[in-house]
């Protein structure tokens, strides 16, 4: 995946920032496991796993923390 899709962490609103955090998280998974067949095969395992869902939420939260810091959301 050599395409350039992330040109900035700056967003107009916190909502857009959260959506960017989700995109960052999803892209991270695709970079880690580029085989779509494997991803779809594994999905049922983590989709019903409380630990897996909690871990996924944590990754989104960390990415949102990064976007929020870039945008100074806590100062507005």
Foldseek 3Di string as FASTA:
>chain_A
DPDDDDPDLEDDDLVVNLVVLLVVLVVVVCVVPVDPVVVVVCCVVLVPDPVSVVVSVVSSVVSSVVSCVRHVVVVD
